[in-house]
Amino acid sequence: MITERYLPIWGGAENQLHQLTSRLSKAGCEVTILTRRFTPELRKEELIEGRFVKRVGFPGKGLIAEFFFVAGIMAFCFRNARSFDILHSHGALKMGAVVSFLALVLGKKSVVKIATAGHVARLFGAWYRPLALFLIRRIDVIIAISKEIEQEMRVIAVDPSRIVSIPNGVDCSRFAEMEAQHRLHTRYDMGFTPSDVLLLFVGRLVQRKGLDLVLQCWPRLSLRENLHLLIVGSGENQDDSIEQQARDLINRNSLRNIHFLGEVTNPEDYMPVTDIFLFPSRLEGFPNVLLEAMASGLPTVASAIGGTVDLIIDGQNGLLFDRDDSEQMLGKIEMLIEDADLRKRLGKNGRTSVRQNYAFETIAQQYLELYKRLQGQSVASQT
């Protein structure tokens, strides 16, 4: 597994890879994770829950650090070529080109998972475009986690037989509904009453995630005495952080009932006690946090982008609004605030659709079958 970031650096892609490798290891796969050593504090080698993690390159950012990261990947793969069968990269399309090159030279199979849409547009302006396209079209399997990404691969003439749709997954045992009495006590412990309506935003506090759209709506929403906004996440160590900007806006306009909870390691304890989940993001692949909220039984209001339109059928298992349209989002939020039965129906339908289609056990099995097919093995012959 090749990824630019891995634990202890957390994010959506890192979370997906961690959960996937855990299940693959239990199924008998030997997994090595090759990643970047961003800071001197990160160890060059370690075991994380039984999986070997190797960090290569020199600490730092920029083109030079990126060059040594790629060089480190190549050196490691050439030295250890006999110890693996498949190279699987996670994230950017350009890393897929690197993996394709290595797989072709070493006689291995290549799998590339594209985390978000938009990589193709950046590729068209790059000087290395012809070489990148040559290599990308020779990747054995490209994982498209959304229809939007699948369409982008078709734009650059990737053979459709090489494109496989496998969405992100969610741990439905961790993210689940909470027993009614426990939910009530937890809300009391947090300082909220049964009549309060709690809106939840979870994500990095950066421009791309759209918290500013929620704050645009809040002057009207906060006219309701019992309405509260809970914000889980921070902008710490983010170059495009809007956290301080958001706090200044709240103070300047005396916006009330907004609660910053910071970064948490247990979002599963917050989701089931709230009433409405807000997902106003501007760019996503197949959003983990939206899967987690729906698995927790939360009715959701989400921007119609990327994988959200694959996941949500508007009015059936959630509500969608046009990206950057704060007025439309406000209308959808008010619809849910005023209709408890609608919240209950959308929450139930959302949880059912996620459990049926995106439980991580199902997703991991799809990857296992893919790897076996690439190796020419019968799925039924190995258990």
Protein backbone atom coordinates (compact mmCIF):
# COMPACT_ATOMS: atom_id res chain seq x y z
CA MET A 1 0.00 0.00 0.00
CA ILE A 2 1.48 3.34 -1.06
CA THR A 3 0.08 6.52 0.45
CA GLU A 4 1.46 9.99 1.06
CA ARG A 5 0.08 10.18 4.61
CA TYR A 6 -0.59 7.50 7.19
CA LEU A 7 -1.01 7.20 10.93
CA PRO A 8 -0.44 9.09 13.19
CA ILE A 9 -1.60 11.59 10.54
CA TRP A 10 -5.37 11.19 10.35
CA GLY A 11 -7.72 12.07 7.54
CA GLY A 12 -10.40 10.47 5.42
CA ALA A 13 -8.03 8.53 3.14
CA GLU A 14 -5.86 7.47 6.08
CA ASN A 15 -8.90 6.25 7.99
CA GLN A 16 -10.13 4.22 5.01
CA LEU A 17 -6.72 2.64 4.44
CA HIS A 18 -6.29 1.78 8.12
CA GLN A 19 -9.66 0.03 8.28
CA LEU A 20 -9.12 -1.74 4.96
CA THR A 21 -5.68 -3.11 5.87
CA SER A 22 -7.00 -4.33 9.21
CA ARG A 23 -9.61 -6.47 7.49
CA LEU A 24 -7.28 -7.61 4.72
CA SER A 25 -4.73 -8.77 7.28
CA LYS A 26 -7.40 -10.81 9.06
CA ALA A 27 -8.30 -12.37 5.69
CA GLY A 28 -4.72 -13.57 5.21
CA CYS A 29 -3.14 -10.77 3.17
CA GLU A 30 0.37 -9.66 4.08
CA VAL A 31 0.24 -5.86 3.99
CA THR A 32 3.14 -3.38 3.94
CA ILE A 33 2.35 0.33 4.08
CA LEU A 34 4.82 2.63 2.34
CA THR A 35 4.37 6.29 3.21
CA ARG A 36 6.09 9.64 3.53
CA ARG A 37 8.20 10.78 6.47
CA PHE A 38 6.88 14.32 6.83
CA THR A 39 8.60 15.20 10.13
CA PRO A 40 11.72 13.99 11.97
CA GLU A 41 9.52 12.76 14.83
CA LEU A 42 7.97 10.10 12.61
CA ARG A 43 9.83 6.80 12.85
CA LYS A 44 11.32 5.36 9.67
CA GLU A 45 9.88 1.93 10.47
CA GLU A 46 7.29 0.62 12.91
CA LEU A 47 4.51 -1.89 13.37
CA ILE A 48 1.02 -0.42 13.68
CA GLU A 49 -1.51 -3.05 14.78
CA GLY A 50 0.61 -5.75 13.19
CA ARG A 51 1.11 -4.01 9.83
CA PHE A 52 4.62 -2.97 8.81
CA VAL A 53 4.85 0.76 8.08
CA LYS A 54 7.88 2.09 6.22
CA ARG A 55 8.38 5.86 5.91
CA VAL A 56 10.70 7.11 3.18
CA GLY A 57 12.08 10.42 1.96
CA PHE A 58 13.28 13.42 3.94
CA PRO A 59 11.17 15.43 6.39
CA GLY A 60 9.67 18.58 4.97
CA LYS A 61 7.41 19.88 2.21
CA GLY A 62 7.96 21.19 -1.29
CA LEU A 63 9.24 19.77 -4.57
CA ILE A 64 12.58 18.55 -3.20
CA ALA A 65 10.93 16.61 -0.38
CA GLU A 66 8.39 15.20 -2.84
CA PHE A 67 11.18 14.11 -5.18
CA PHE A 68 12.95 12.19 -2.40
CA PHE A 69 9.66 10.61 -1.37
CA VAL A 70 9.14 9.22 -4.87
CA ALA A 71 12.81 8.16 -5.03
CA GLY A 72 12.39 6.39 -1.69
CA ILE A 73 9.32 4.54 -2.97
CA MET A 74 11.23 3.32 -6.01
CA ALA A 75 14.29 2.27 -4.02
CA PHE A 76 12.19 0.32 -1.51
CA CYS A 77 10.17 -1.44 -4.22
CA PHE A 78 13.25 -2.46 -6.21
CA ARG A 79 14.98 -3.80 -3.07
CA ASN A 80 11.91 -5.72 -1.90
CA ALA A 81 10.36 -6.76 -5.19
CA ARG A 82 10.25 -10.44 -4.24
CA SER A 83 8.17 -9.76 -1.12
CA PHE A 84 4.99 -8.40 -2.74
CA ASP A 85 2.57 -9.20 -5.57
CA ILE A 86 0.47 -6.05 -5.93
CA LEU A 87 1.24 -2.33 -5.70
CA HIS A 88 -1.79 -0.34 -4.55
CA SER A 89 -1.63 3.46 -4.27
CA HIS A 90 -4.16 5.68 -2.50
CA GLY A 91 -4.81 9.33 -3.29
CA ALA A 92 -3.46 11.39 -6.17
CA LEU A 93 -3.51 10.41 -9.83
CA LYS A 94 0.18 11.30 -10.31
CA MET A 95 1.14 8.70 -7.68
CA GLY A 96 -0.78 6.24 -9.82
CA ALA A 97 1.64 6.98 -12.66
CA VAL A 98 4.58 6.17 -10.36
CA VAL A 99 2.96 2.90 -9.30
CA SER A 100 2.21 2.02 -12.93
CA PHE A 101 5.86 2.53 -13.87
CA LEU A 102 7.09 0.36 -10.99
CA ALA A 103 4.58 -2.38 -11.73
CA LEU A 104 5.55 -2.48 -15.41
CA VAL A 105 9.28 -2.62 -14.65
CA LEU A 106 8.97 -5.16 -11.82
CA GLY A 107 6.31 -7.34 -13.42
CA LYS A 108 3.72 -6.69 -10.69
CA LYS A 109 0.03 -5.85 -10.70
CA SER A 110 -1.03 -2.25 -10.09
CA VAL A 111 -4.11 -0.87 -8.36
CA VAL A 112 -4.74 2.87 -7.98
CA LYS A 113 -7.48 4.37 -5.83
CA ILE A 114 -8.36 7.98 -6.70
CA ALA A 115 -9.51 9.82 -3.55
CA THR A 116 -11.14 12.91 -5.11
CA ALA A 117 -12.14 14.30 -8.48
CA GLY A 118 -10.25 17.18 -10.07
CA HIS A 119 -6.87 15.52 -10.68
CA VAL A 120 -7.40 15.28 -14.43
CA ALA A 121 -7.84 19.04 -14.86
CA ARG A 122 -4.52 19.67 -13.12
CA LEU A 123 -2.85 17.00 -15.22
CA PHE A 124 -3.79 18.69 -18.49
CA GLY A 125 -1.59 21.68 -17.70
CA ALA A 126 1.44 19.69 -16.58
CA TRP A 127 4.63 19.30 -18.63
CA TYR A 128 4.72 15.57 -17.90
CA ARG A 129 1.18 14.99 -19.20
CA PRO A 130 2.08 12.66 -22.16
CA LEU A 131 4.18 10.35 -19.97
CA ALA A 132 1.63 10.42 -17.14
CA LEU A 133 -1.23 9.50 -19.49
CA PHE A 134 0.83 6.70 -21.03
CA LEU A 135 1.43 5.20 -17.58
CA ILE A 136 -2.07 5.83 -16.19
CA ARG A 137 -3.67 4.01 -19.12
CA ARG A 138 -1.55 0.96 -18.26
CA ILE A 139 -2.65 0.68 -14.63
CA ASP A 140 -4.26 -2.74 -14.17
CA VAL A 141 -7.17 -1.43 -12.07
CA ILE A 142 -8.26 2.10 -11.22
CA ILE A 143 -10.63 2.27 -8.26
CA ALA A 144 -13.27 4.94 -8.86
CA ILE A 145 -14.99 5.66 -5.54
CA SER A 146 -17.60 7.87 -7.22
CA LYS A 147 -19.29 8.21 -10.62
CA GLU A 148 -17.64 11.62 -10.99
CA ILE A 149 -14.17 10.05 -10.74
CA GLU A 150 -15.17 7.26 -13.11
CA GLN A 151 -16.22 9.85 -15.68
CA GLU A 152 -12.89 11.67 -15.31
CA MET A 153 -11.03 8.45 -16.09
CA ARG A 154 -13.10 8.01 -19.24
CA VAL A 155 -12.21 11.57 -20.30
CA ILE A 156 -8.52 10.61 -20.44
CA ALA A 157 -9.36 7.45 -22.40
CA VAL A 158 -8.74 4.86 -19.69
CA ASP A 159 -10.04 1.49 -20.88
CA PRO A 160 -13.44 1.04 -19.14
CA SER A 161 -12.52 -2.57 -18.34
CA ARG A 162 -9.73 -1.24 -16.11
CA ILE A 163 -12.10 0.95 -14.05
CA VAL A 164 -13.69 -0.70 -11.01
CA SER A 165 -16.25 1.03 -8.79
CA ILE A 166 -15.62 0.42 -5.09
CA PRO A 167 -16.87 3.13 -2.72
CA ASN A 168 -15.53 3.93 0.72
CA GLY A 169 -16.84 1.89 3.64
CA VAL A 170 -17.94 2.52 7.21
CA ASP A 171 -17.74 0.55 10.44
CA CYS A 172 -21.46 0.07 11.19
CA SER A 173 -20.74 -1.45 14.59
CA ARG A 174 -18.88 1.69 15.68
CA PHE A 175 -21.25 4.19 14.07
CA ALA A 176 -24.74 3.21 15.12
CA GLU A 177 -27.90 4.53 16.71
CA MET A 178 -27.89 5.10 20.46
CA GLU A 179 -30.44 3.59 22.84
CA ALA A 180 -33.06 6.24 23.68
CA GLN A 181 -32.40 6.52 27.42
CA HIS A 182 -28.64 6.65 26.93
CA ARG A 183 -29.10 9.35 24.29
CA LEU A 184 -31.25 11.42 26.66
CA HIS A 185 -28.73 11.19 29.52
CA THR A 186 -25.85 12.06 27.20
CA ARG A 187 -27.65 15.17 25.98
CA TYR A 188 -28.28 16.25 29.57
CA ASP A 189 -24.59 15.71 30.38
CA MET A 190 -23.72 17.97 27.42
CA GLY A 191 -26.07 20.68 28.73
CA PHE A 192 -28.96 20.17 26.30
CA THR A 193 -32.62 19.36 26.90
CA PRO A 194 -34.91 17.02 24.92
CA SER A 195 -36.55 20.02 23.23
CA ASP A 196 -33.25 21.38 21.90
CA VAL A 197 -32.49 20.72 18.22
CA LEU A 198 -28.79 20.04 17.69
CA LEU A 199 -27.13 20.59 14.29
CA LEU A 200 -23.74 18.95 13.81
CA PHE A 201 -20.81 19.87 11.56
CA VAL A 202 -17.78 17.56 11.51
CA GLY A 203 -14.66 18.29 9.48
CA ARG A 204 -11.48 20.26 9.06
CA LEU A 205 -12.13 23.98 9.44
CA VAL A 206 -10.93 24.92 5.98
CA GLN A 207 -12.63 26.75 3.13
CA ARG A 208 -13.24 23.59 1.13
CA LYS A 209 -15.43 22.06 3.86
CA GLY A 210 -18.01 24.87 3.72
CA LEU A 211 -18.47 25.88 7.37
CA ASP A 212 -18.70 29.48 6.15
CA LEU A 213 -21.96 28.58 4.37
CA VAL A 214 -23.46 27.37 7.64
CA LEU A 215 -22.43 30.58 9.38
CA GLN A 216 -24.09 32.59 6.60
CA CYS A 217 -27.36 30.87 7.50
CA TRP A 218 -26.99 31.15 11.25
CA PRO A 219 -28.41 34.67 11.83
CA ARG A 220 -31.79 33.42 10.59
CA LEU A 221 -31.54 29.99 12.15
CA SER A 222 -30.51 31.33 15.56
CA LEU A 223 -33.82 33.17 15.88
CA ARG A 224 -35.06 29.81 17.14
CA GLU A 225 -34.30 29.67 20.86
CA ASN A 226 -33.76 25.93 21.07
CA LEU A 227 -31.39 25.56 18.09
CA HIS A 228 -27.69 24.81 18.61
CA LEU A 229 -24.75 24.26 16.24
CA LEU A 230 -22.01 21.85 17.32
CA ILE A 231 -18.72 22.12 15.42
CA VAL A 232 -16.33 19.17 15.66
CA GLY A 233 -12.91 19.73 14.12
CA SER A 234 -10.23 22.42 13.92
CA GLY A 235 -8.08 24.31 11.45
CA GLU A 236 -4.85 23.53 13.28
CA ASN A 237 -1.85 22.89 10.99
CA GLN A 238 -3.98 23.64 7.92
CA ASP A 239 -2.57 26.17 5.45
CA ASP A 240 -6.08 27.25 4.45
CA SER A 241 -7.60 27.25 7.95
CA ILE A 242 -10.69 29.43 8.43
CA GLU A 243 -11.09 28.68 12.14
CA GLN A 244 -9.97 32.08 13.41
CA GLN A 245 -11.93 33.79 10.66
CA ALA A 246 -15.04 31.85 11.72
CA ARG A 247 -14.56 32.67 15.40
CA ASP A 248 -14.08 36.36 14.59
CA LEU A 249 -17.27 36.36 12.50
CA ILE A 250 -19.23 34.76 15.33
CA ASN A 251 -17.94 37.30 17.88
CA ARG A 252 -18.38 40.29 15.57
CA ASN A 253 -22.01 39.41 14.83
CA SER A 254 -22.82 38.11 18.33
CA LEU A 255 -23.97 34.78 16.92
CA ARG A 256 -25.19 32.58 19.75
CA ASN A 257 -25.63 28.88 20.45
CA ILE A 258 -22.52 27.87 18.49
CA HIS A 259 -20.26 25.39 20.27
CA PHE A 260 -16.70 24.60 19.14
CA LEU A 261 -15.80 21.10 20.39
CA GLY A 262 -12.37 20.89 18.73
CA GLU A 263 -10.84 17.71 17.37
CA VAL A 264 -12.19 14.49 18.89
CA THR A 265 -11.21 10.85 18.60
CA ASN A 266 -14.75 9.60 19.28
CA PRO A 267 -17.15 11.17 16.75
CA GLU A 268 -19.36 8.11 17.18
CA ASP A 269 -20.30 9.47 20.64
CA TYR A 270 -21.49 12.80 19.23
CA MET A 271 -23.37 11.82 16.10
CA PRO A 272 -26.21 9.76 17.63
CA VAL A 273 -27.08 12.45 20.20
CA THR A 274 -27.59 15.22 17.63
CA ASP A 275 -30.59 15.76 15.35
CA ILE A 276 -29.36 16.99 11.95
CA PHE A 277 -26.01 16.54 10.18
CA LEU A 278 -24.69 19.30 7.92
CA PHE A 279 -22.30 18.54 5.08
CA PRO A 280 -21.75 21.70 2.99
CA SER A 281 -18.43 20.60 1.45
CA ARG A 282 -17.29 22.00 -1.90
CA LEU A 283 -15.09 19.08 -3.05
CA GLU A 284 -15.13 15.42 -2.00
CA GLY A 285 -14.53 11.93 -3.25
CA PHE A 286 -16.80 9.61 -1.26
CA PRO A 287 -17.05 11.32 2.15
CA ASN A 288 -16.34 9.18 5.21
CA VAL A 289 -17.99 11.54 7.66
CA LEU A 290 -21.24 11.49 5.70
CA LEU A 291 -21.24 7.69 5.74
CA GLU A 292 -20.60 7.79 9.50
CA ALA A 293 -23.44 10.24 10.13
CA MET A 294 -25.91 8.22 8.08
CA ALA A 295 -24.80 4.98 9.77
CA SER A 296 -25.56 6.71 13.07
CA GLY A 297 -29.14 7.36 11.95
CA LEU A 298 -28.72 11.11 11.41
CA PRO A 299 -30.80 12.90 8.75
CA THR A 300 -28.37 14.80 6.56
CA VAL A 301 -28.30 18.02 4.54
CA ALA A 302 -25.45 17.75 2.04
CA SER A 303 -24.08 19.58 -1.00
CA ALA A 304 -24.72 17.76 -4.28
CA ILE A 305 -21.09 17.02 -5.18
CA GLY A 306 -18.83 14.03 -5.85
CA GLY A 307 -19.85 10.88 -4.04
CA THR A 308 -22.67 12.54 -2.10
CA VAL A 309 -24.94 12.27 -5.13
CA ASP A 310 -24.07 8.55 -5.34
CA LEU A 311 -24.87 8.10 -1.67
CA ILE A 312 -27.97 10.28 -1.19
CA ILE A 313 -31.25 10.20 -3.07
CA ASP A 314 -32.76 13.61 -2.33
CA GLY A 315 -35.88 13.29 -0.21
CA GLN A 316 -35.45 9.54 0.39
CA ASN A 317 -32.39 9.05 2.58
CA GLY A 318 -31.21 12.65 2.94
CA LEU A 319 -31.52 16.13 1.48
CA LEU A 320 -29.26 17.69 -1.17
CA PHE A 321 -28.59 21.30 -2.12
CA ASP A 322 -26.54 22.89 -4.90
CA ARG A 323 -22.91 23.55 -4.00
CA ASP A 324 -22.31 27.01 -2.48
CA ASP A 325 -26.06 27.79 -2.41
CA SER A 326 -26.53 28.87 1.21
CA GLU A 327 -30.17 29.91 0.65
CA GLN A 328 -31.07 26.47 -0.67
CA MET A 329 -29.21 24.83 2.21
CA LEU A 330 -31.08 27.05 4.69
CA GLY A 331 -34.41 25.93 3.23
CA LYS A 332 -33.48 22.25 3.58
CA ILE A 333 -32.32 22.76 7.17
CA GLU A 334 -35.53 24.59 8.11
CA MET A 335 -37.55 21.78 6.51
CA LEU A 336 -35.91 19.27 8.86
CA ILE A 337 -36.12 21.49 11.93
CA GLU A 338 -39.87 21.85 11.51
CA ASP A 339 -40.64 18.21 10.68
CA ALA A 340 -39.55 15.64 13.28
CA ASP A 341 -41.23 12.84 11.31
CA LEU A 342 -39.18 13.71 8.24
CA ARG A 343 -36.00 13.65 10.34
CA LYS A 344 -36.91 10.22 11.63
CA ARG A 345 -37.75 8.84 8.18
CA LEU A 346 -34.63 10.18 6.46
CA GLY A 347 -32.42 9.02 9.34
CA LYS A 348 -33.85 5.50 9.24
CA ASN A 349 -33.60 5.24 5.45
CA GLY A 350 -30.06 6.61 5.46
CA ARG A 351 -28.89 4.09 8.02
CA THR A 352 -30.53 1.23 6.13
CA SER A 353 -28.93 2.19 2.80
CA VAL A 354 -25.48 2.52 4.38
CA ARG A 355 -25.69 -0.79 6.23
CA GLN A 356 -26.82 -2.59 3.08
CA ASN A 357 -24.29 -1.10 0.66
CA TYR A 358 -21.30 0.41 2.47
CA ALA A 359 -20.53 -1.70 5.54
CA PHE A 360 -16.76 -2.18 5.64
CA GLU A 361 -17.04 -5.96 5.66
CA THR A 362 -18.69 -5.74 2.23
CA ILE A 363 -16.14 -3.25 0.88
CA ALA A 364 -13.14 -5.23 2.14
CA GLN A 365 -14.51 -8.38 0.50
CA GLN A 366 -14.71 -6.54 -2.83
CA TYR A 367 -11.02 -5.61 -2.55
CA LEU A 368 -10.10 -9.17 -1.58
CA GLU A 369 -11.90 -10.54 -4.63
CA LEU A 370 -10.20 -7.94 -6.83
CA TYR A 371 -6.72 -8.88 -5.58
CA LYS A 372 -7.42 -12.57 -6.11
CA ARG A 373 -8.68 -11.92 -9.62
CA LEU A 374 -5.52 -9.99 -10.43
CA GLN A 375 -3.47 -12.92 -9.19
CA GLY A 376 -5.57 -15.38 -11.17
CA GLN A 377 -6.90 -17.12 -8.08
CA SER A 378 -10.36 -18.47 -7.52
CA VAL A 379 -12.13 -16.52 -4.79
CA ALA A 380 -13.67 -19.74 -3.47
CA SER A 381 -10.31 -21.53 -3.35
CA GLN A 382 -8.82 -19.34 -0.61
CA THR A 383 -10.54 -18.64 2.68
